[in-house]
Amino acid sequence: MVDKESQRGLMLIDAIFDKVCYSRNGREIMMVKRLREKAG
């Protein structure tokens, strides 16, 4: 089971990736990749 805090975190990540998918800014995409590397 996933607790509510983890679900919120996953929703936030989904929202960030939705934003990146629509963004044409390559720097933003690189920033998100770095954040994923740190978190993962």
Protein backbone atom coordinates (compact mmCIF):
# COMPACT_ATOMS: atom_id res chain seq x y z
CA MET A 1 0.00 0.00 0.00
CA VAL A 2 1.11 3.53 -0.79
CA ASP A 3 0.46 6.08 1.93
CA LYS A 4 -1.10 9.48 1.25
CA GLU A 5 2.20 11.36 1.45
CA SER A 6 3.77 9.09 -1.16
CA GLN A 7 0.73 9.52 -3.41
CA ARG A 8 1.09 13.31 -3.14
CA GLY A 9 4.73 13.02 -4.11
CA LEU A 10 3.91 10.88 -7.13
CA MET A 11 1.19 13.33 -8.21
CA LEU A 12 3.69 16.18 -7.91
CA ILE A 13 6.22 14.29 -10.04
CA ASP A 14 3.52 13.59 -12.65
CA ALA A 15 2.63 17.30 -12.71
CA ILE A 16 6.29 18.25 -13.18
CA PHE A 17 6.72 15.81 -16.07
CA ASP A 18 3.49 17.05 -17.70
CA LYS A 19 4.94 20.57 -17.50
CA VAL A 20 8.25 19.45 -19.00
CA CYS A 21 6.52 17.58 -21.83
CA TYR A 22 4.77 20.77 -22.88
CA SER A 23 7.83 22.94 -22.26
CA ARG A 24 10.26 23.71 -25.07
CA ASN A 25 12.91 24.78 -22.59
CA GLY A 26 15.74 22.23 -22.68
CA ARG A 27 17.28 23.58 -19.47
CA GLU A 28 14.11 22.79 -17.54
CA ILE A 29 14.23 19.21 -18.80
CA MET A 30 17.87 18.86 -17.75
CA MET A 31 17.02 20.29 -14.33
CA VAL A 32 14.29 17.69 -13.84
CA LYS A 33 16.66 14.91 -14.90
CA ARG A 34 19.16 16.08 -12.29
CA LEU A 35 16.44 16.18 -9.63
CA ARG A 36 15.43 12.62 -10.53
CA GLU A 37 19.05 11.46 -10.27
CA LYS A 38 19.38 13.03 -6.81
CA ALA A 39 16.05 11.56 -5.65
CA GLY A 40 16.59 8.16 -7.24
